[in-house]
N, C-alpha and C. Protein backbone atom coordinates (compact mmCIF):
# COMPACT_ATOMS: atom_id res chain seq x y z
N MET A 1 83.68 5.96 -2.15
CA MET A 1 82.65 6.53 -1.76
C MET A 1 82.08 6.81 -3.30
N ARG A 2 82.63 7.47 -3.99
CA ARG A 2 81.65 8.18 -5.22
C ARG A 2 81.86 7.17 -6.04
N SER A 3 82.84 5.99 -6.17
CA SER A 3 82.37 5.08 -7.32
C SER A 3 81.58 4.18 -6.60
N THR A 4 81.27 3.71 -5.11
CA THR A 4 79.83 2.86 -4.70
C THR A 4 79.01 3.61 -4.74
N LEU A 5 78.43 5.02 -4.99
CA LEU A 5 77.64 5.61 -5.22
C LEU A 5 77.21 5.00 -6.32
N ARG A 6 78.07 5.37 -7.36
CA ARG A 6 77.59 5.45 -8.87
C ARG A 6 77.10 4.14 -9.47
N HIS A 7 77.71 3.07 -8.43
CA HIS A 7 77.32 1.13 -8.87
C HIS A 7 75.96 1.10 -7.90
N ALA A 8 75.63 1.88 -6.95
CA ALA A 8 74.39 1.26 -6.53
C ALA A 8 73.30 1.55 -6.95
N PRO A 9 72.78 2.51 -8.44
CA PRO A 9 71.31 1.98 -9.05
C PRO A 9 71.32 0.89 -9.89
N ALA A 10 73.11 0.53 -10.65
CA ALA A 10 73.14 -0.58 -11.26
C ALA A 10 72.72 -1.83 -10.25
N ALA A 11 73.17 -2.01 -9.52
CA ALA A 11 72.86 -3.03 -8.68
C ALA A 11 71.67 -3.52 -8.31
N ALA A 12 70.99 -1.88 -7.34
CA ALA A 12 69.53 -1.83 -7.50
C ALA A 12 68.83 -2.65 -8.62
N GLY A 13 69.04 -2.23 -9.75
CA GLY A 13 68.29 -2.28 -11.01
C GLY A 13 68.29 -4.39 -11.18
N ILE A 14 70.18 -4.79 -11.15
CA ILE A 14 69.54 -6.42 -11.30
C ILE A 14 69.47 -6.98 -10.23
N VAL A 15 68.98 -6.59 -9.14
CA VAL A 15 68.53 -6.87 -7.90
C VAL A 15 66.54 -7.32 -8.47
N LEU A 16 66.65 -6.05 -8.65
CA LEU A 16 64.80 -5.74 -8.96
C LEU A 16 64.81 -7.20 -10.35
N LEU A 17 65.48 -7.13 -11.23
CA LEU A 17 65.02 -7.83 -12.66
C LEU A 17 65.49 -9.85 -11.89
N LEU A 18 66.14 -9.47 -11.36
CA LEU A 18 66.10 -11.02 -10.70
C LEU A 18 64.99 -11.35 -10.01
N GLY A 19 64.64 -10.33 -8.93
CA GLY A 19 62.97 -10.43 -8.37
C GLY A 19 61.95 -11.09 -9.47
N LEU A 20 62.40 -9.84 -10.28
CA LEU A 20 60.67 -10.02 -11.37
C LEU A 20 60.95 -11.40 -11.92
N ALA A 21 62.17 -12.02 -12.21
CA ALA A 21 62.25 -13.50 -13.52
C ALA A 21 62.02 -14.37 -12.42
N ALA A 22 62.22 -14.20 -11.69
CA ALA A 22 61.96 -15.05 -10.47
C ALA A 22 59.95 -15.45 -10.36
N CYS A 23 59.77 -14.45 -10.39
CA CYS A 23 58.49 -14.48 -10.02
C CYS A 23 57.80 -14.90 -11.69
N THR A 24 58.37 -14.61 -12.45
CA THR A 24 57.20 -14.63 -13.65
C THR A 24 57.64 -15.68 -13.90
N SER A 25 58.64 -16.87 -14.02
CA SER A 25 59.75 -17.61 -14.31
C SER A 25 58.42 -19.02 -13.97
N PRO A 26 58.03 -19.76 -15.29
CA PRO A 26 57.17 -20.25 -14.69
C PRO A 26 57.79 -22.04 -13.80
N ASP A 27 59.68 -21.90 -13.73
CA ASP A 27 60.01 -22.89 -12.81
C ASP A 27 60.39 -22.30 -11.24
N ALA A 28 60.00 -21.31 -11.27
CA ALA A 28 60.13 -20.86 -10.44
C ALA A 28 59.20 -21.39 -9.06
N GLU A 29 59.64 -21.20 -7.69
CA GLU A 29 58.77 -21.56 -6.83
C GLU A 29 58.14 -21.01 -5.69
N PRO A 30 57.19 -20.99 -5.72
CA PRO A 30 56.26 -20.04 -4.81
C PRO A 30 56.79 -19.46 -3.65
N GLY A 31 56.82 -17.92 -3.14
CA GLY A 31 57.74 -17.52 -2.62
C GLY A 31 59.19 -16.97 -2.94
N ALA A 32 59.66 -17.67 -4.18
CA ALA A 32 61.11 -17.36 -4.49
C ALA A 32 61.20 -15.87 -4.86
N GLY A 33 60.21 -15.20 -5.29
CA GLY A 33 60.50 -13.77 -5.48
C GLY A 33 60.21 -13.04 -3.67
N ASP A 34 59.83 -13.53 -3.12
CA ASP A 34 59.77 -13.15 -1.92
C ASP A 34 60.99 -12.83 -1.13
N GLN A 35 61.99 -13.86 -1.34
CA GLN A 35 63.39 -13.77 -1.09
C GLN A 35 64.03 -12.63 -1.34
N ALA A 36 63.81 -12.34 -2.75
CA ALA A 36 64.60 -11.08 -4.00
C ALA A 36 63.96 -10.06 -3.52
N GLY A 37 63.15 -9.51 -2.32
CA GLY A 37 62.82 -8.57 -2.06
C GLY A 37 61.27 -8.25 -2.88
N ALA A 38 60.90 -8.88 -4.15
CA ALA A 38 59.85 -8.45 -5.16
C ALA A 38 58.14 -8.89 -4.47
N ALA A 39 57.74 -8.48 -5.21
CA ALA A 39 56.57 -8.77 -4.65
C ALA A 39 55.79 -10.08 -5.55
N THR A 40 55.12 -11.03 -4.96
CA THR A 40 54.51 -12.00 -5.72
C THR A 40 53.50 -11.66 -6.52
N GLU A 41 53.30 -11.97 -7.54
CA GLU A 41 52.00 -11.84 -8.17
C GLU A 41 50.68 -12.88 -7.84
N VAL A 42 49.49 -12.66 -7.87
CA VAL A 42 48.23 -13.26 -7.24
C VAL A 42 47.49 -13.92 -9.10
N PRO A 43 47.73 -14.67 -8.95
CA PRO A 43 46.63 -15.49 -10.29
C PRO A 43 45.09 -14.46 -10.55
N ALA A 44 44.99 -13.96 -11.60
CA ALA A 44 43.45 -12.91 -12.02
C ALA A 44 42.38 -13.52 -11.41
N GLU A 45 42.31 -15.25 -11.24
CA GLU A 45 40.94 -15.89 -11.09
C GLU A 45 41.10 -15.26 -9.49
N ASP A 46 42.27 -15.76 -8.94
CA ASP A 46 42.62 -16.15 -7.15
C ASP A 46 42.17 -14.38 -6.66
N ALA A 47 42.53 -13.48 -7.62
CA ALA A 47 42.37 -12.00 -7.11
C ALA A 47 40.97 -11.62 -6.92
N THR A 48 40.30 -11.81 -8.77
CA THR A 48 38.53 -11.74 -8.40
C THR A 48 37.83 -12.31 -7.35
N GLU A 49 38.25 -13.93 -6.90
CA GLU A 49 37.51 -14.67 -5.61
C GLU A 49 37.97 -13.77 -4.64
N ASP A 50 39.49 -13.38 -4.40
CA ASP A 50 39.45 -12.70 -3.26
C ASP A 50 38.75 -11.60 -3.01
N ALA A 51 38.45 -10.53 -4.24
CA ALA A 51 37.63 -9.37 -4.25
C ALA A 51 36.16 -9.21 -3.86
N ALA A 52 36.00 -11.00 -4.18
CA ALA A 52 34.07 -10.83 -4.48
C ALA A 52 34.05 -11.49 -3.26
N THR A 53 35.22 -12.09 -2.14
CA THR A 53 35.03 -12.88 -1.12
C THR A 53 34.78 -11.28 0.24
N GLU A 54 35.68 -10.53 -0.31
CA GLU A 54 36.19 -9.01 0.57
C GLU A 54 34.15 -8.44 0.43
N GLU A 55 34.08 -8.41 -1.00
CA GLU A 55 32.63 -7.79 -1.28
C GLU A 55 31.88 -8.25 -0.46
N THR A 56 31.50 -9.35 -0.17
CA THR A 56 30.38 -10.13 0.11
C THR A 56 30.16 -10.11 1.83
N ALA A 57 31.57 -10.05 2.53
CA ALA A 57 32.31 -9.76 3.54
C ALA A 57 32.04 -8.47 3.99
N GLU A 58 32.02 -7.43 3.39
CA GLU A 58 31.90 -6.12 3.77
C GLU A 58 30.31 -5.48 3.43
N THR A 59 29.16 -6.43 2.59
CA THR A 59 28.27 -6.05 2.29
C THR A 59 27.30 -7.28 3.83
N ASP A 60 27.47 -8.30 3.89
CA ASP A 60 27.38 -8.73 5.00
C ASP A 60 27.71 -7.97 6.51
N ALA A 61 28.63 -7.29 6.43
CA ALA A 61 28.78 -6.74 8.31
C ALA A 61 28.01 -5.43 7.76
N ALA A 62 27.41 -4.89 6.57
CA ALA A 62 26.87 -3.64 6.44
C ALA A 62 25.51 -3.72 6.49
N GLU A 63 24.54 -4.98 6.53
CA GLU A 63 23.31 -5.44 6.46
C GLU A 63 23.22 -5.76 7.71
N GLU A 64 24.58 -6.69 8.66
CA GLU A 64 23.49 -6.77 9.53
C GLU A 64 23.88 -6.25 10.87
N PRO A 65 22.32 -5.50 11.42
CA PRO A 65 22.48 -5.03 12.24
C PRO A 65 23.14 -5.03 13.71
N THR A 66 23.41 -4.06 14.79
CA THR A 66 24.51 -4.16 15.61
C THR A 66 23.21 -4.87 16.53
N VAL A 67 23.59 -6.11 17.38
CA VAL A 67 23.10 -6.75 18.10
C VAL A 67 22.73 -6.00 19.51
N GLU A 68 21.61 -5.47 19.93
CA GLU A 68 21.78 -5.02 21.41
C GLU A 68 20.16 -5.64 21.82
N GLU A 69 20.35 -5.53 23.18
CA GLU A 69 19.01 -6.08 23.86
C GLU A 69 18.13 -5.10 23.96
N GLU A 70 17.38 -5.56 22.88
CA GLU A 70 15.60 -4.79 22.42
C GLU A 70 15.03 -4.74 23.85
N PRO A 71 13.90 -3.82 24.01
CA PRO A 71 12.83 -4.42 25.17
C PRO A 71 11.86 -4.78 24.83
N ALA A 72 11.34 -5.59 26.21
CA ALA A 72 10.05 -6.26 25.41
C ALA A 72 9.13 -5.47 24.99
N VAL A 73 8.82 -5.53 23.20
CA VAL A 73 7.34 -4.68 22.67
C VAL A 73 6.51 -5.53 22.34
N GLY A 74 5.20 -5.12 22.34
CA GLY A 74 4.00 -5.87 21.76
C GLY A 74 2.77 -5.49 22.51
N SER A 75 2.15 -6.85 22.98
CA SER A 75 1.16 -6.61 23.64
C SER A 75 1.13 -6.36 25.22
N ALA A 76 0.31 -5.83 25.26
CA ALA A 76 0.36 -5.32 27.38
C ALA A 76 1.47 -5.99 27.91
N ALA A 77 2.17 -5.26 28.58
CA ALA A 77 3.31 -6.07 29.30
C ALA A 77 3.00 -5.58 31.05
N GLY A 78 1.75 -4.96 31.17
CA GLY A 78 1.69 -4.32 32.38
C GLY A 78 0.60 -3.10 32.01
N THR A 79 0.14 -3.10 33.51
CA THR A 79 -0.94 -2.15 33.32
C THR A 79 -0.35 -0.94 34.63
N VAL A 80 -1.17 0.08 34.34
CA VAL A 80 -0.90 1.17 35.56
C VAL A 80 -1.97 2.07 35.55
N SER A 81 -2.46 2.37 36.65
CA SER A 81 -3.97 2.98 36.88
C SER A 81 -3.65 4.26 37.46
N VAL A 82 -4.12 5.29 36.78
CA VAL A 82 -3.87 6.68 37.49
C VAL A 82 -4.97 7.45 37.61
N ASP A 83 -5.67 7.45 38.93
CA ASP A 83 -6.76 7.94 39.77
C ASP A 83 -7.99 7.40 38.75
N GLY A 84 -7.72 5.92 38.84
CA GLY A 84 -9.19 5.08 37.97
C GLY A 84 -8.71 5.21 36.78
N VAL A 85 -8.43 5.87 35.80
CA VAL A 85 -7.84 5.42 34.42
C VAL A 85 -6.68 4.49 34.15
N GLU A 86 -7.08 3.45 33.36
CA GLU A 86 -6.06 2.16 33.06
C GLU A 86 -5.11 2.79 32.25
N TYR A 87 -3.82 2.27 32.08
CA TYR A 87 -3.08 2.45 30.92
C TYR A 87 -2.24 1.26 30.53
N GLU A 88 -2.02 0.92 29.25
CA GLU A 88 -1.29 -0.24 28.93
C GLU A 88 -0.06 -0.18 28.65
N ILE A 89 0.57 -0.93 29.25
CA ILE A 89 2.53 -0.54 29.71
C ILE A 89 2.62 -1.63 28.71
N THR A 90 3.38 -1.43 27.01
CA THR A 90 3.77 -2.40 25.97
C THR A 90 4.96 -2.79 26.05
N GLU A 91 5.79 -1.69 26.54
CA GLU A 91 7.40 -1.88 26.38
C GLU A 91 8.20 -1.55 27.78
N LEU A 92 9.34 -2.37 28.04
CA LEU A 92 9.52 -2.69 29.29
C LEU A 92 11.30 -2.34 29.26
N ARG A 93 11.50 -1.95 29.81
CA ARG A 93 13.19 -2.22 29.89
C ARG A 93 13.56 -2.31 31.53
N ASN A 94 13.84 -3.17 31.91
CA ASN A 94 14.93 -3.66 32.99
C ASN A 94 16.34 -3.15 33.10
N CYS A 95 16.63 -2.10 33.54
CA CYS A 95 17.47 -1.38 34.09
C CYS A 95 19.02 -2.14 34.79
N GLU A 96 20.07 -2.09 34.16
CA GLU A 96 20.69 -2.16 35.49
C GLU A 96 21.17 -1.75 36.47
N PRO A 97 20.94 -2.20 37.49
CA PRO A 97 20.21 -1.49 38.47
C PRO A 97 22.21 -0.59 38.97
N LEU A 98 21.55 0.63 39.63
CA LEU A 98 22.63 1.78 39.86
C LEU A 98 23.11 1.18 41.46
N GLN A 99 24.65 1.32 41.39
CA GLN A 99 25.22 0.72 42.93
C GLN A 99 26.31 1.92 42.92
N ASP A 100 25.99 3.16 43.96
CA ASP A 100 26.79 4.07 43.91
C ASP A 100 27.51 4.43 45.31
N GLY A 101 27.47 3.64 46.36
CA GLY A 101 27.96 3.36 47.72
C GLY A 101 26.79 4.10 48.45
N ALA A 102 25.78 5.36 48.22
CA ALA A 102 24.57 5.46 49.66
C ALA A 102 23.46 5.06 48.02
N VAL A 103 23.32 4.83 47.45
CA VAL A 103 21.89 3.92 46.67
C VAL A 103 22.28 2.24 46.32
N ASP A 104 21.14 1.67 46.55
CA ASP A 104 21.75 0.37 46.43
C ASP A 104 20.58 -0.35 45.79
N ARG A 105 20.26 -0.48 44.18
CA ARG A 105 19.10 -0.83 44.06
C ARG A 105 18.76 -2.06 43.40
N GLU A 106 18.03 -2.60 43.91
CA GLU A 106 17.52 -4.12 43.38
C GLU A 106 16.50 -3.98 41.78
N LEU A 107 15.91 -2.85 41.82
CA LEU A 107 15.08 -2.56 40.41
C LEU A 107 14.52 -1.92 39.89
N GLU A 108 15.27 -1.49 38.76
CA GLU A 108 15.19 0.25 37.93
C GLU A 108 14.51 -0.64 36.81
N LEU A 109 13.04 -0.33 36.85
CA LEU A 109 11.85 -0.54 36.01
C LEU A 109 11.47 0.44 34.85
N GLN A 110 11.61 0.59 33.76
CA GLN A 110 11.17 1.60 32.62
C GLN A 110 10.50 0.84 32.01
N GLY A 111 8.74 1.56 31.96
CA GLY A 111 7.99 0.98 31.41
C GLY A 111 7.07 2.51 30.43
N PHE A 112 7.02 2.14 29.30
CA PHE A 112 6.20 2.65 28.02
C PHE A 112 5.31 2.25 27.29
N GLY A 113 4.35 3.65 27.49
CA GLY A 113 3.05 2.81 26.07
C GLY A 113 2.46 4.54 25.80
N GLU A 114 1.68 4.31 25.35
CA GLU A 114 0.83 5.09 24.56
C GLU A 114 -0.53 5.34 24.50
N HIS A 115 -1.37 6.48 24.65
CA HIS A 115 -2.70 6.60 25.44
C HIS A 115 -3.25 7.77 23.89
N GLU A 116 -3.81 7.75 23.21
CA GLU A 116 -4.68 9.07 22.44
C GLU A 116 -3.59 9.55 22.06
N GLY A 117 -2.38 8.58 21.18
CA GLY A 117 -1.06 9.35 20.42
C GLY A 117 -0.46 10.07 21.41
N GLU A 118 -0.59 10.04 22.77
CA GLU A 118 0.04 10.70 24.18
C GLU A 118 1.63 9.50 24.28
N ARG A 119 2.92 9.86 24.52
CA ARG A 119 3.46 8.77 24.84
C ARG A 119 2.94 8.91 26.71
N THR A 120 3.05 7.20 27.31
CA THR A 120 3.14 7.45 28.86
C THR A 120 4.45 6.41 29.19
N GLN A 121 4.99 7.19 30.70
CA GLN A 121 6.14 6.23 31.27
C GLN A 121 5.81 6.26 32.89
N VAL A 122 6.26 5.14 33.22
CA VAL A 122 6.32 4.82 34.36
C VAL A 122 7.51 4.01 34.97
N ASP A 123 7.90 4.57 35.91
CA ASP A 123 9.42 4.45 36.25
C ASP A 123 9.30 3.38 37.86
N VAL A 124 9.68 2.84 37.89
CA VAL A 124 9.96 2.09 39.54
C VAL A 124 11.03 1.46 39.92
N TYR A 125 11.13 1.80 41.38
CA TYR A 125 12.73 1.47 42.09
C TYR A 125 12.66 1.00 43.07
N VAL A 126 13.20 -0.26 43.26
CA VAL A 126 13.06 -1.22 44.64
C VAL A 126 14.61 -0.63 45.28
N GLN A 127 14.74 -0.46 45.93
CA GLN A 127 16.05 0.65 46.61
C GLN A 127 16.17 0.54 47.79
N GLU A 128 17.31 0.79 48.57
CA GLU A 128 17.80 1.26 49.77
C GLU A 128 18.64 2.48 49.66
N LEU A 129 18.39 3.47 50.50
CA LEU A 129 19.02 4.95 50.42
C LEU A 129 20.07 4.87 52.11
N ALA A 130 21.72 4.82 51.54
CA ALA A 130 22.14 4.63 53.09
C ALA A 130 21.29 3.37 53.96
N GLY A 131 21.13 2.43 53.71
CA GLY A 131 20.61 1.15 54.09
C GLY A 131 19.39 1.34 54.85
N THR A 132 18.47 2.45 54.28
CA THR A 132 17.39 2.50 54.79
C THR A 132 16.15 2.45 53.57
N PRO A 133 15.42 1.21 53.50
CA PRO A 133 14.49 0.93 52.31
C PRO A 133 13.81 2.52 51.95
N TYR A 134 13.69 2.24 50.78
CA TYR A 134 13.24 3.74 49.94
C TYR A 134 12.83 3.97 48.64
N ASP A 135 11.53 2.86 48.17
CA ASP A 135 11.01 2.69 47.12
C ASP A 135 10.76 3.67 46.08
N ASP A 136 10.75 4.27 45.25
CA ASP A 136 10.13 5.16 44.02
C ASP A 136 9.62 4.51 43.17
N VAL A 137 8.58 5.70 42.78
CA VAL A 137 7.79 5.53 41.47
C VAL A 137 7.58 6.77 40.89
N SER A 138 7.71 6.98 39.75
CA SER A 138 7.35 8.18 39.18
C SER A 138 6.69 7.66 37.44
N TRP A 139 5.53 9.11 37.00
CA TRP A 139 4.18 8.60 36.38
C TRP A 139 4.67 10.16 35.51
N SER A 140 4.62 9.79 33.73
CA SER A 140 4.19 10.76 33.00
C SER A 140 3.45 10.59 31.63
N GLY A 141 2.48 10.88 31.95
CA GLY A 141 0.82 10.94 30.93
C GLY A 141 0.17 12.03 30.55
N PRO A 142 -1.13 11.71 30.57
CA PRO A 142 -1.99 13.22 30.00
C PRO A 142 -2.28 13.57 31.22
N GLU A 143 -1.99 13.06 32.41
CA GLU A 143 -1.91 13.99 33.66
C GLU A 143 -1.13 14.87 34.12
N GLY A 144 0.14 14.64 33.47
CA GLY A 144 1.21 15.94 34.27
C GLY A 144 2.29 14.53 34.55
N VAL A 145 3.35 15.01 34.83
CA VAL A 145 4.45 14.32 35.06
C VAL A 145 4.53 14.04 36.49
N TYR A 146 4.32 13.14 37.10
CA TYR A 146 3.80 12.83 38.61
C TYR A 146 5.45 12.27 39.46
N GLY A 147 6.09 12.33 40.59
CA GLY A 147 6.87 11.53 41.31
C GLY A 147 6.79 11.98 42.72
N GLY A 148 8.08 11.62 43.05
CA GLY A 148 8.32 11.96 44.71
C GLY A 148 7.44 11.34 46.05
N PRO A 149 7.14 10.02 46.30
CA PRO A 149 5.73 9.34 46.77
C PRO A 149 6.43 9.52 48.18
N GLN A 150 5.74 9.32 48.84
CA GLN A 150 5.69 8.99 50.43
C GLN A 150 5.07 8.28 50.80
N ASP A 151 4.44 7.33 50.36
CA ASP A 151 4.15 6.21 50.49
C ASP A 151 3.79 4.89 50.08
N ALA A 152 4.78 4.87 49.00
CA ALA A 152 5.00 3.72 47.69
C ALA A 152 4.99 2.45 48.69
N VAL A 153 3.99 1.40 48.17
CA VAL A 153 4.19 0.01 48.69
C VAL A 153 4.18 -0.95 47.33
N VAL A 154 5.73 -1.27 46.95
CA VAL A 154 6.37 -2.22 46.26
C VAL A 154 6.64 -3.50 46.48
N GLU A 155 5.73 -4.39 45.61
CA GLU A 155 5.93 -5.92 45.63
C GLU A 155 6.85 -6.23 44.86
N LEU A 156 7.83 -6.96 44.82
CA LEU A 156 8.71 -7.44 43.75
C LEU A 156 9.18 -8.98 43.53
N ASP A 157 8.70 -9.64 42.60
CA ASP A 157 8.77 -11.22 42.86
C ASP A 157 9.71 -11.42 41.78
N ALA A 158 9.97 -12.54 41.39
CA ALA A 158 11.01 -13.13 40.34
C ALA A 158 11.15 -12.17 39.03
N THR A 159 9.32 -12.26 38.31
CA THR A 159 8.79 -12.11 37.34
C THR A 159 8.29 -10.95 37.44
N SER A 160 7.69 -10.06 38.40
CA SER A 160 7.22 -8.82 38.38
C SER A 160 7.09 -8.31 39.27
N VAL A 161 6.63 -7.17 39.24
CA VAL A 161 6.55 -5.76 40.12
C VAL A 161 5.13 -5.17 40.49
N ARG A 162 4.38 -4.86 41.31
CA ARG A 162 2.80 -4.17 41.50
C ARG A 162 3.22 -3.50 43.04
N GLY A 163 2.29 -2.21 42.39
CA GLY A 163 2.26 -1.59 44.31
C GLY A 163 1.53 -0.37 44.00
N THR A 164 1.06 0.32 44.92
CA THR A 164 0.58 1.47 45.15
C THR A 164 1.47 2.55 45.33
N ALA A 165 1.14 4.14 45.03
CA ALA A 165 1.39 5.14 45.46
C ALA A 165 0.70 6.36 45.37
N THR A 166 1.09 7.34 46.15
CA THR A 166 0.66 8.70 45.87
C THR A 166 1.31 9.99 45.08
N LEU A 167 1.41 10.48 44.23
CA LEU A 167 2.69 10.93 43.54
C LEU A 167 2.30 12.60 43.24
N MET A 168 2.80 13.24 43.71
CA MET A 168 3.01 14.65 43.57
C MET A 168 3.56 15.17 42.75
N ASP A 169 2.41 16.28 41.89
CA ASP A 169 2.70 16.96 40.32
C ASP A 169 4.46 17.47 40.52
N SER A 170 5.30 17.29 39.66
CA SER A 170 6.66 17.46 40.23
C SER A 170 7.04 19.10 39.81
N LEU A 171 5.67 19.73 38.75
CA LEU A 171 6.00 20.97 38.71
C LEU A 171 5.74 21.92 39.43
N THR A 172 4.49 22.18 40.20
CA THR A 172 3.80 22.67 41.04
C THR A 172 3.74 22.36 42.51
N GLN A 173 4.16 20.97 42.73
CA GLN A 173 4.06 20.45 44.29
C GLN A 173 2.79 20.71 44.67
N THR A 174 1.63 20.93 44.07
CA THR A 174 0.40 21.24 44.49
C THR A 174 -0.70 20.13 44.55
N GLU A 175 -0.43 19.14 43.29
CA GLU A 175 -1.48 18.26 43.38
C GLU A 175 -1.02 17.09 42.98
N THR A 176 -1.78 16.00 43.42
CA THR A 176 -1.31 14.60 43.62
C THR A 176 -2.48 13.55 43.08
N VAL A 177 -1.65 12.41 42.41
CA VAL A 177 -2.57 11.44 41.98
C VAL A 177 -2.08 10.13 42.43
N SER A 178 -2.98 9.47 42.59
CA SER A 178 -3.05 7.41 42.86
C SER A 178 -2.69 6.62 42.35
N ILE A 179 -1.69 6.05 41.87
CA ILE A 179 -1.39 5.23 41.21
C ILE A 179 -1.33 3.79 41.38
N GLU A 180 -1.84 2.96 40.41
CA GLU A 180 -1.54 1.28 41.07
C GLU A 180 -1.14 0.84 39.98
N PHE A 181 -0.31 -0.15 40.09
CA PHE A 181 0.55 -0.78 38.65
C PHE A 181 0.67 -1.87 39.35
N GLU A 182 1.01 -2.89 37.51
CA GLU A 182 1.73 -4.24 38.06
C GLU A 182 2.14 -4.43 36.56
N LEU A 183 3.16 -4.84 36.70
CA LEU A 183 4.32 -4.77 35.32
C LEU A 183 5.30 -6.22 35.43
N GLU A 184 5.37 -7.01 34.14
CA GLU A 184 6.54 -7.82 34.11
C GLU A 184 7.58 -7.67 34.36
N VAL A 185 8.74 -8.13 34.52
CA VAL A 185 10.07 -7.71 35.08
C VAL A 185 11.03 -8.19 33.89
N PRO A 186 11.36 -8.34 32.92
CA PRO A 186 12.33 -8.95 31.85
C PRO A 186 13.43 -8.82 32.51
N ALA A 187 13.45 -10.64 31.84
CA ALA A 187 14.76 -11.62 32.82
C ALA A 187 16.21 -10.68 32.50
N GLU A 188 16.25 -10.36 31.48
CA GLU A 188 17.37 -9.46 31.03
C GLU A 188 17.57 -7.87 31.39
N THR A 189 19.11 -7.74 31.95
CA THR A 189 18.82 -6.14 32.25
C THR A 189 19.76 -5.85 31.04
N ILE A 190 19.33 -4.27 30.57
CA ILE A 190 20.15 -3.81 29.78
C ILE A 190 20.69 -2.07 30.42
N ALA A 191 21.73 -1.87 29.59
CA ALA A 191 22.50 -0.57 30.06
C ALA A 191 21.00 0.71 29.42
N CYS A 192 20.41 1.41 30.46
CA CYS A 192 19.80 2.57 30.72
C CYS A 192 20.59 3.87 30.58
N ARG A 193 21.69 4.18 30.91
CA ARG A 193 22.28 5.02 31.35
C ARG A 193 23.70 5.23 30.21
């Protein structure tokens, strides 16, 4: 056993030398050094090309933004009238409808705008609760936050939704506003939760 261990470093050195000789020998076939257990050297110009290609791929990946479905932004995509004051809606999100057993939602639309530097938001839901139609509308704007309509009338077609509702002040539950809206419905749905 001792004589075997004593000769092991010498044997390993010989194998390594043979492998290096095969790699650097001009007559050696490609891959011959691999068979002896040594690594194959990459010519300097190939290594430079590989590094440049790798760097370009990393740069492209860093510069390329993640593609997410962006909501429609730009000119008015709809209007909301709150107690006679009209607001433009410039951004719309057609959210993937919630389906949880009790709620069967056909449309979940979020609309955003701005009025005198203040953000406005309207949410419209066309849905059924336990099999009974229960459309919902809410509003957030200069008037405050309103929702919980008892009389929402919502009409949905392939490209738009329109309707009316009387909304209750979400904070005090004492004041109401009358709302009318007409909004485009983006063709694509996005994950809003």
